[in-house]
Amino acid sequence: MNQLIMALATGFYVGKIAKAPGTWGSLAAFLPWFFMKDLPLPTYLLLLGALFILGFFISGSAEKILDRPDAGCIVIDEFLGMFITLTAAPDHPLAWLLGFLLFRVFDIAKPFPVSWFDQRIHGGIGIMMDDVIAGIYAFISLHLMWSVIERFVT
């Protein structure tokens, strides 16, 4: 069971890449997202909710297995953050790249309340929530920026 938990928590071991595991996890999220992106919005949002619940349990369990709080190799939260960022994203590779960059900026810079969740809430909920908030910030930023950019790329 521990192997399954670690496989899921690390994005099938993408999180084990030594340098920048969060960035690699965010990039790896594109593969499943590509197959989800055309789902009806209610179905897509239901999957996000299911991933949040699964991620809460998986990341909390992985933290205990590793005996380290919010270990960098746990990237299931980056998957959810990217899925939130790319919710209803424009069907354009530039928009997807912008979403990725925005999510990484918010996940690394941790503006309030991302930093609050990161520092004060521990366990699975804390691991997931800072990326949920970063994903929401990136989602809003992506859609606002794209409303301007789309005039030049379409």
N, C-alpha and C. Protein backbone atom coordinates (compact mmCIF):
# COMPACT_ATOMS: atom_id res chain seq x y z
N MET A 1 0.82 -1.20 0.00
CA MET A 1 0.00 0.00 0.00
C MET A 1 0.87 1.27 0.00
N ASN A 2 1.98 1.22 0.74
CA ASN A 2 2.88 2.37 0.78
C ASN A 2 3.42 2.72 -0.60
N GLN A 3 3.69 1.69 -1.42
CA GLN A 3 4.20 1.95 -2.77
C GLN A 3 3.16 2.67 -3.62
N LEU A 4 1.90 2.28 -3.50
CA LEU A 4 0.83 2.94 -4.25
C LEU A 4 0.67 4.38 -3.78
N ILE A 5 0.70 4.59 -2.49
CA ILE A 5 0.59 5.95 -1.93
C ILE A 5 1.73 6.82 -2.45
N MET A 6 2.94 6.30 -2.42
CA MET A 6 4.09 7.09 -2.87
C MET A 6 4.06 7.32 -4.38
N ALA A 7 3.60 6.35 -5.15
CA ALA A 7 3.48 6.54 -6.60
C ALA A 7 2.51 7.66 -6.90
N LEU A 8 1.37 7.69 -6.23
CA LEU A 8 0.37 8.74 -6.46
C LEU A 8 0.86 10.09 -5.93
N ALA A 9 1.42 10.09 -4.74
CA ALA A 9 1.87 11.35 -4.13
C ALA A 9 2.96 12.02 -4.94
N THR A 10 3.82 11.23 -5.56
CA THR A 10 4.94 11.78 -6.31
C THR A 10 4.65 11.92 -7.80
N GLY A 11 3.40 11.79 -8.18
CA GLY A 11 3.06 11.91 -9.60
C GLY A 11 3.74 10.83 -10.41
N PHE A 12 3.64 9.59 -9.92
CA PHE A 12 4.32 8.45 -10.52
C PHE A 12 5.82 8.71 -10.63
N TYR A 13 6.36 9.19 -9.52
CA TYR A 13 7.78 9.38 -9.26
C TYR A 13 8.42 10.57 -9.96
N VAL A 14 7.63 11.40 -10.62
CA VAL A 14 8.16 12.64 -11.18
C VAL A 14 8.69 13.52 -10.05
N GLY A 15 8.04 13.49 -8.90
CA GLY A 15 8.47 14.28 -7.76
C GLY A 15 9.80 13.86 -7.18
N LYS A 16 10.31 12.72 -7.61
CA LYS A 16 11.61 12.23 -7.14
C LYS A 16 12.77 12.86 -7.92
N ILE A 17 12.47 13.62 -8.98
CA ILE A 17 13.54 14.32 -9.70
C ILE A 17 14.15 15.32 -8.73
N ALA A 18 15.46 15.26 -8.57
CA ALA A 18 16.16 16.00 -7.51
C ALA A 18 15.99 17.51 -7.61
N LYS A 19 16.12 18.07 -8.77
CA LYS A 19 16.04 19.53 -8.93
C LYS A 19 14.62 19.95 -9.29
N ALA A 20 14.05 20.86 -8.53
CA ALA A 20 12.75 21.48 -8.82
C ALA A 20 11.61 20.47 -8.99
N PRO A 21 11.36 19.61 -8.00
CA PRO A 21 10.30 18.61 -8.17
C PRO A 21 8.92 19.22 -8.37
N GLY A 22 8.66 20.38 -7.77
CA GLY A 22 7.36 21.04 -7.97
C GLY A 22 7.15 21.48 -9.41
N THR A 23 8.21 21.95 -10.03
CA THR A 23 8.13 22.36 -11.43
C THR A 23 7.92 21.14 -12.32
N TRP A 24 8.64 20.07 -12.06
CA TRP A 24 8.46 18.85 -12.84
C TRP A 24 7.06 18.27 -12.64
N GLY A 25 6.57 18.34 -11.40
CA GLY A 25 5.21 17.87 -11.13
C GLY A 25 4.17 18.70 -11.87
N SER A 26 4.39 20.01 -11.91
CA SER A 26 3.48 20.90 -12.63
C SER A 26 3.50 20.60 -14.13
N LEU A 27 4.67 20.33 -14.66
CA LEU A 27 4.78 19.96 -16.09
C LEU A 27 4.10 18.62 -16.36
N ALA A 28 4.31 17.67 -15.48
CA ALA A 28 3.72 16.33 -15.65
C ALA A 28 2.20 16.39 -15.61
N ALA A 29 1.65 17.39 -14.93
CA ALA A 29 0.19 17.53 -14.83
C ALA A 29 -0.45 17.77 -16.19
N PHE A 30 0.32 18.26 -17.15
CA PHE A 30 -0.23 18.51 -18.48
C PHE A 30 -0.76 17.23 -19.14
N LEU A 31 -0.10 16.10 -18.91
CA LEU A 31 -0.52 14.87 -19.57
C LEU A 31 -1.95 14.47 -19.19
N PRO A 32 -2.27 14.29 -17.91
CA PRO A 32 -3.67 13.96 -17.59
C PRO A 32 -4.62 15.11 -17.91
N TRP A 33 -4.15 16.36 -17.73
CA TRP A 33 -5.03 17.50 -18.02
C TRP A 33 -5.44 17.52 -19.49
N PHE A 34 -4.52 17.16 -20.37
CA PHE A 34 -4.83 17.17 -21.79
C PHE A 34 -6.02 16.27 -22.10
N PHE A 35 -6.15 15.16 -21.38
CA PHE A 35 -7.28 14.24 -21.58
C PHE A 35 -8.54 14.69 -20.83
N MET A 36 -8.40 15.60 -19.90
CA MET A 36 -9.54 16.11 -19.12
C MET A 36 -10.10 17.42 -19.67
N LYS A 37 -9.30 18.16 -20.41
CA LYS A 37 -9.61 19.55 -20.72
C LYS A 37 -10.92 19.76 -21.47
N ASP A 38 -11.37 18.78 -22.23
CA ASP A 38 -12.60 18.95 -23.00
C ASP A 38 -13.83 18.37 -22.32
N LEU A 39 -13.68 17.95 -21.08
CA LEU A 39 -14.83 17.45 -20.33
C LEU A 39 -15.81 18.59 -20.07
N PRO A 40 -17.09 18.27 -19.92
CA PRO A 40 -18.03 19.32 -19.51
C PRO A 40 -17.58 19.91 -18.16
N LEU A 41 -17.77 21.22 -18.00
CA LEU A 41 -17.27 21.90 -16.79
C LEU A 41 -17.74 21.24 -15.50
N PRO A 42 -19.01 20.85 -15.34
CA PRO A 42 -19.39 20.19 -14.07
C PRO A 42 -18.60 18.91 -13.81
N THR A 43 -18.35 18.13 -14.85
CA THR A 43 -17.57 16.89 -14.69
C THR A 43 -16.14 17.22 -14.31
N TYR A 44 -15.57 18.21 -14.98
CA TYR A 44 -14.20 18.65 -14.69
C TYR A 44 -14.09 19.09 -13.23
N LEU A 45 -15.03 19.91 -12.78
CA LEU A 45 -14.99 20.40 -11.39
C LEU A 45 -15.19 19.27 -10.39
N LEU A 46 -16.01 18.30 -10.75
CA LEU A 46 -16.18 17.13 -9.88
C LEU A 46 -14.87 16.36 -9.75
N LEU A 47 -14.14 16.23 -10.85
CA LEU A 47 -12.83 15.57 -10.79
C LEU A 47 -11.84 16.37 -9.93
N LEU A 48 -11.90 17.69 -10.01
CA LEU A 48 -11.04 18.51 -9.15
C LEU A 48 -11.36 18.25 -7.67
N GLY A 49 -12.64 18.20 -7.35
CA GLY A 49 -13.04 17.91 -5.97
C GLY A 49 -12.56 16.54 -5.51
N ALA A 50 -12.69 15.56 -6.39
CA ALA A 50 -12.23 14.20 -6.06
C ALA A 50 -10.72 14.18 -5.88
N LEU A 51 -10.00 14.89 -6.73
CA LEU A 51 -8.54 14.94 -6.60
C LEU A 51 -8.13 15.65 -5.31
N PHE A 52 -8.88 16.67 -4.91
CA PHE A 52 -8.57 17.35 -3.65
C PHE A 52 -8.70 16.36 -2.48
N ILE A 53 -9.79 15.62 -2.46
CA ILE A 53 -10.01 14.67 -1.37
C ILE A 53 -8.95 13.56 -1.40
N LEU A 54 -8.70 13.01 -2.59
CA LEU A 54 -7.68 11.98 -2.73
C LEU A 54 -6.31 12.54 -2.33
N GLY A 55 -6.00 13.75 -2.81
CA GLY A 55 -4.72 14.38 -2.51
C GLY A 55 -4.53 14.64 -1.02
N PHE A 56 -5.61 15.01 -0.35
CA PHE A 56 -5.57 15.24 1.10
C PHE A 56 -5.11 13.97 1.82
N PHE A 57 -5.71 12.85 1.48
CA PHE A 57 -5.35 11.60 2.14
C PHE A 57 -3.99 11.08 1.69
N ILE A 58 -3.73 11.14 0.39
CA ILE A 58 -2.48 10.62 -0.16
C ILE A 58 -1.28 11.42 0.35
N SER A 59 -1.37 12.76 0.29
CA SER A 59 -0.23 13.58 0.70
C SER A 59 0.01 13.46 2.21
N GLY A 60 -1.06 13.40 2.99
CA GLY A 60 -0.89 13.22 4.43
C GLY A 60 -0.25 11.88 4.76
N SER A 61 -0.65 10.84 4.04
CA SER A 61 -0.06 9.52 4.25
C SER A 61 1.40 9.49 3.81
N ALA A 62 1.69 10.11 2.67
CA ALA A 62 3.07 10.15 2.16
C ALA A 62 3.97 10.90 3.14
N GLU A 63 3.45 11.96 3.72
CA GLU A 63 4.22 12.73 4.70
C GLU A 63 4.61 11.83 5.88
N LYS A 64 3.69 10.99 6.31
CA LYS A 64 3.98 10.07 7.42
C LYS A 64 4.98 8.99 7.00
N ILE A 65 4.83 8.48 5.78
CA ILE A 65 5.76 7.46 5.29
C ILE A 65 7.17 8.03 5.22
N LEU A 66 7.29 9.25 4.71
CA LEU A 66 8.59 9.89 4.55
C LEU A 66 9.13 10.45 5.86
N ASP A 67 8.23 10.64 6.83
CA ASP A 67 8.57 11.24 8.13
C ASP A 67 9.18 12.63 7.94
N ARG A 68 8.61 13.38 6.98
CA ARG A 68 9.02 14.77 6.71
C ARG A 68 7.78 15.58 6.39
N PRO A 69 7.64 16.75 6.99
CA PRO A 69 6.48 17.58 6.66
C PRO A 69 6.61 18.18 5.26
N ASP A 70 5.53 18.11 4.49
CA ASP A 70 5.43 18.69 3.15
C ASP A 70 6.70 18.48 2.32
N ALA A 71 7.10 17.22 2.21
CA ALA A 71 8.31 16.87 1.44
C ALA A 71 8.16 17.33 0.00
N GLY A 72 9.23 17.83 -0.56
CA GLY A 72 9.21 18.35 -1.92
C GLY A 72 8.82 17.34 -2.98
N CYS A 73 9.07 16.07 -2.71
CA CYS A 73 8.75 15.04 -3.70
C CYS A 73 7.24 14.80 -3.83
N ILE A 74 6.45 15.27 -2.87
CA ILE A 74 4.99 15.14 -2.95
C ILE A 74 4.49 16.21 -3.92
N VAL A 75 4.00 15.76 -5.08
CA VAL A 75 3.59 16.70 -6.12
C VAL A 75 2.12 16.55 -6.53
N ILE A 76 1.37 15.72 -5.84
CA ILE A 76 -0.05 15.59 -6.17
C ILE A 76 -0.75 16.94 -6.03
N ASP A 77 -0.24 17.78 -5.13
CA ASP A 77 -0.81 19.12 -4.95
C ASP A 77 -0.52 20.01 -6.16
N GLU A 78 0.63 19.83 -6.80
CA GLU A 78 0.94 20.59 -8.02
C GLU A 78 0.00 20.18 -9.15
N PHE A 79 -0.34 18.90 -9.21
CA PHE A 79 -1.29 18.46 -10.23
C PHE A 79 -2.62 19.20 -10.05
N LEU A 80 -3.12 19.22 -8.82
CA LEU A 80 -4.38 19.91 -8.57
C LEU A 80 -4.26 21.40 -8.85
N GLY A 81 -3.17 22.02 -8.44
CA GLY A 81 -2.97 23.44 -8.70
C GLY A 81 -2.97 23.76 -10.18
N MET A 82 -2.33 22.92 -10.97
CA MET A 82 -2.33 23.12 -12.42
C MET A 82 -3.71 22.89 -13.01
N PHE A 83 -4.42 21.89 -12.53
CA PHE A 83 -5.77 21.63 -13.05
C PHE A 83 -6.69 22.82 -12.74
N ILE A 84 -6.53 23.42 -11.57
CA ILE A 84 -7.32 24.60 -11.22
C ILE A 84 -6.93 25.75 -12.14
N THR A 85 -5.64 25.98 -12.29
CA THR A 85 -5.14 27.05 -13.15
C THR A 85 -5.71 26.93 -14.56
N LEU A 86 -5.75 25.73 -15.09
CA LEU A 86 -6.13 25.51 -16.48
C LEU A 86 -7.62 25.23 -16.67
N THR A 87 -8.41 25.44 -15.62
CA THR A 87 -9.86 25.27 -15.75
C THR A 87 -10.38 26.25 -16.80
N ALA A 88 -11.08 25.72 -17.79
CA ALA A 88 -11.66 26.52 -18.88
C ALA A 88 -10.60 27.39 -19.57
N ALA A 89 -9.37 26.88 -19.62
CA ALA A 89 -8.29 27.63 -20.26
C ALA A 89 -8.56 27.73 -21.76
N PRO A 90 -8.15 28.83 -22.36
CA PRO A 90 -8.29 28.96 -23.82
C PRO A 90 -7.57 27.82 -24.52
N ASP A 91 -8.10 27.41 -25.64
CA ASP A 91 -7.53 26.29 -26.38
C ASP A 91 -6.38 26.79 -27.26
N HIS A 92 -5.31 27.16 -26.58
CA HIS A 92 -4.14 27.71 -27.28
C HIS A 92 -2.89 27.37 -26.46
N PRO A 93 -1.87 26.81 -27.10
CA PRO A 93 -0.65 26.44 -26.36
C PRO A 93 -0.02 27.61 -25.60
N LEU A 94 -0.13 28.82 -26.12
CA LEU A 94 0.43 29.98 -25.41
C LEU A 94 -0.31 30.21 -24.09
N ALA A 95 -1.60 30.00 -24.09
CA ALA A 95 -2.39 30.13 -22.85
C ALA A 95 -1.98 29.07 -21.85
N TRP A 96 -1.72 27.86 -22.33
CA TRP A 96 -1.31 26.78 -21.43
C TRP A 96 0.05 27.08 -20.83
N LEU A 97 0.97 27.58 -21.65
CA LEU A 97 2.30 27.95 -21.15
C LEU A 97 2.19 29.08 -20.13
N LEU A 98 1.37 30.07 -20.43
CA LEU A 98 1.16 31.19 -19.50
C LEU A 98 0.57 30.68 -18.19
N GLY A 99 -0.39 29.76 -18.26
CA GLY A 99 -0.97 29.18 -17.06
C GLY A 99 0.09 28.48 -16.22
N PHE A 100 0.94 27.71 -16.87
CA PHE A 100 2.03 27.01 -16.16
C PHE A 100 2.94 28.02 -15.46
N LEU A 101 3.37 29.05 -16.19
CA LEU A 101 4.27 30.05 -15.61
C LEU A 101 3.61 30.79 -14.46
N LEU A 102 2.36 31.16 -14.62
CA LEU A 102 1.65 31.87 -13.55
C LEU A 102 1.51 30.99 -12.30
N PHE A 103 1.15 29.73 -12.50
CA PHE A 103 1.03 28.84 -11.35
C PHE A 103 2.36 28.70 -10.62
N ARG A 104 3.46 28.52 -11.38
CA ARG A 104 4.76 28.39 -10.74
C ARG A 104 5.12 29.66 -9.97
N VAL A 105 4.83 30.82 -10.54
CA VAL A 105 5.13 32.08 -9.84
C VAL A 105 4.36 32.16 -8.53
N PHE A 106 3.06 31.89 -8.56
CA PHE A 106 2.27 31.98 -7.33
C PHE A 106 2.63 30.88 -6.33
N ASP A 107 2.98 29.70 -6.83
CA ASP A 107 3.35 28.61 -5.94
C ASP A 107 4.70 28.87 -5.26
N ILE A 108 5.61 29.49 -5.98
CA ILE A 108 6.94 29.78 -5.41
C ILE A 108 6.92 31.05 -4.56
N ALA A 109 6.28 32.12 -5.06
CA ALA A 109 6.26 33.40 -4.33
C ALA A 109 5.37 33.35 -3.10
N LYS A 110 4.35 32.52 -3.14
CA LYS A 110 3.43 32.32 -2.01
C LYS A 110 2.85 33.62 -1.44
N PRO A 111 2.15 34.41 -2.27
CA PRO A 111 1.50 35.60 -1.72
C PRO A 111 0.38 35.18 -0.77
N PHE A 112 0.05 36.05 0.17
CA PHE A 112 -1.02 35.74 1.13
C PHE A 112 -2.31 35.45 0.37
N PRO A 113 -3.07 34.45 0.76
CA PRO A 113 -2.96 33.53 1.88
C PRO A 113 -2.22 32.23 1.57
N VAL A 114 -1.58 32.13 0.40
CA VAL A 114 -0.83 30.91 0.08
C VAL A 114 0.21 30.65 1.18
N SER A 115 0.94 31.70 1.54
CA SER A 115 1.99 31.56 2.57
C SER A 115 1.40 31.17 3.93
N TRP A 116 0.23 31.69 4.23
CA TRP A 116 -0.41 31.37 5.51
C TRP A 116 -0.72 29.88 5.59
N PHE A 117 -1.32 29.34 4.53
CA PHE A 117 -1.61 27.90 4.49
C PHE A 117 -0.32 27.09 4.53
N ASP A 118 0.69 27.53 3.80
CA ASP A 118 1.96 26.81 3.74
C ASP A 118 2.64 26.74 5.10
N GLN A 119 2.56 27.83 5.87
CA GLN A 119 3.28 27.90 7.13
C GLN A 119 2.48 27.43 8.34
N ARG A 120 1.17 27.57 8.30
CA ARG A 120 0.38 27.34 9.51
C ARG A 120 -0.49 26.09 9.50
N ILE A 121 -0.85 25.61 8.32
CA ILE A 121 -1.71 24.43 8.25
C ILE A 121 -0.85 23.25 7.81
N HIS A 122 -0.86 22.22 8.61
CA HIS A 122 0.03 21.09 8.38
C HIS A 122 -0.75 19.86 7.95
N GLY A 123 -0.04 18.85 7.53
CA GLY A 123 -0.67 17.62 7.10
C GLY A 123 -1.21 17.76 5.68
N GLY A 124 -2.04 16.80 5.30
CA GLY A 124 -2.58 16.75 3.95
C GLY A 124 -3.33 18.01 3.53
N ILE A 125 -4.09 18.59 4.44
CA ILE A 125 -4.87 19.78 4.08
C ILE A 125 -3.95 20.97 3.78
N GLY A 126 -2.90 21.12 4.54
CA GLY A 126 -1.96 22.22 4.30
C GLY A 126 -1.19 22.02 3.00
N ILE A 127 -0.79 20.78 2.74
CA ILE A 127 -0.08 20.47 1.50
C ILE A 127 -0.94 20.84 0.30
N MET A 128 -2.21 20.49 0.36
CA MET A 128 -3.10 20.73 -0.78
C MET A 128 -3.54 22.19 -0.89
N MET A 129 -3.84 22.83 0.24
CA MET A 129 -4.48 24.14 0.18
C MET A 129 -3.59 25.25 -0.36
N ASP A 130 -2.30 25.23 -0.09
CA ASP A 130 -1.47 26.31 -0.62
C ASP A 130 -1.45 26.26 -2.15
N ASP A 131 -1.49 25.05 -2.72
CA ASP A 131 -1.52 24.93 -4.18
C ASP A 131 -2.90 25.23 -4.75
N VAL A 132 -3.95 24.95 -3.99
CA VAL A 132 -5.29 25.33 -4.41
C VAL A 132 -5.38 26.85 -4.55
N ILE A 133 -4.90 27.57 -3.55
CA ILE A 133 -4.96 29.04 -3.59
C ILE A 133 -4.05 29.58 -4.69
N ALA A 134 -2.85 29.03 -4.83
CA ALA A 134 -1.95 29.45 -5.92
C ALA A 134 -2.61 29.19 -7.27
N GLY A 135 -3.30 28.07 -7.39
CA GLY A 135 -4.02 27.74 -8.62
C GLY A 135 -5.15 28.72 -8.90
N ILE A 136 -5.85 29.13 -7.87
CA ILE A 136 -6.93 30.12 -8.04
C ILE A 136 -6.35 31.46 -8.49
N TYR A 137 -5.28 31.89 -7.86
CA TYR A 137 -4.62 33.13 -8.29
C TYR A 137 -4.18 33.04 -9.75
N ALA A 138 -3.58 31.90 -10.12
CA ALA A 138 -3.10 31.72 -11.49
C ALA A 138 -4.27 31.65 -12.47
N PHE A 139 -5.36 31.01 -12.08
CA PHE A 139 -6.56 30.93 -12.92
C PHE A 139 -7.10 32.33 -13.22
N ILE A 140 -7.26 33.12 -12.19
CA ILE A 140 -7.77 34.49 -12.37
C ILE A 140 -6.82 35.31 -13.23
N SER A 141 -5.53 35.22 -12.94
CA SER A 141 -4.53 35.97 -13.71
C SER A 141 -4.51 35.54 -15.17
N LEU A 142 -4.57 34.24 -15.40
CA LEU A 142 -4.55 33.73 -16.77
C LEU A 142 -5.73 34.28 -17.57
N HIS A 143 -6.91 34.22 -16.99
CA HIS A 143 -8.09 34.67 -17.73
C HIS A 143 -8.09 36.18 -17.94
N LEU A 144 -7.62 36.92 -16.97
CA LEU A 144 -7.51 38.37 -17.15
C LEU A 144 -6.47 38.72 -18.21
N MET A 145 -5.33 38.09 -18.13
CA MET A 145 -4.26 38.38 -19.10
C MET A 145 -4.65 37.92 -20.50
N TRP A 146 -5.32 36.77 -20.59
CA TRP A 146 -5.69 36.26 -21.90
C TRP A 146 -6.72 37.15 -22.59
N SER A 147 -7.55 37.81 -21.80
CA SER A 147 -8.53 38.72 -22.41
C SER A 147 -7.85 39.84 -23.19
N VAL A 148 -6.62 40.17 -22.82
CA VAL A 148 -5.84 41.16 -23.55
C VAL A 148 -5.00 40.48 -24.64
N ILE A 149 -4.33 39.40 -24.29
CA ILE A 149 -3.41 38.72 -25.21
C ILE A 149 -4.13 38.15 -26.43
N GLU A 150 -5.35 37.66 -26.23
CA GLU A 150 -6.04 36.98 -27.34
C GLU A 150 -6.25 37.88 -28.54
N ARG A 151 -6.27 39.18 -28.34
CA ARG A 151 -6.43 40.12 -29.46
C ARG A 151 -5.23 40.08 -30.39
N PHE A 152 -4.08 39.65 -29.87
CA PHE A 152 -2.85 39.64 -30.66
C PHE A 152 -2.49 38.28 -31.21
N VAL A 153 -3.06 37.19 -30.65
CA VAL A 153 -2.66 35.85 -31.07
C VAL A 153 -3.73 35.14 -31.91
N THR A 154 -4.92 35.66 -31.98
CA THR A 154 -5.96 34.97 -32.75
C THR A 154 -6.29 35.71 -34.02
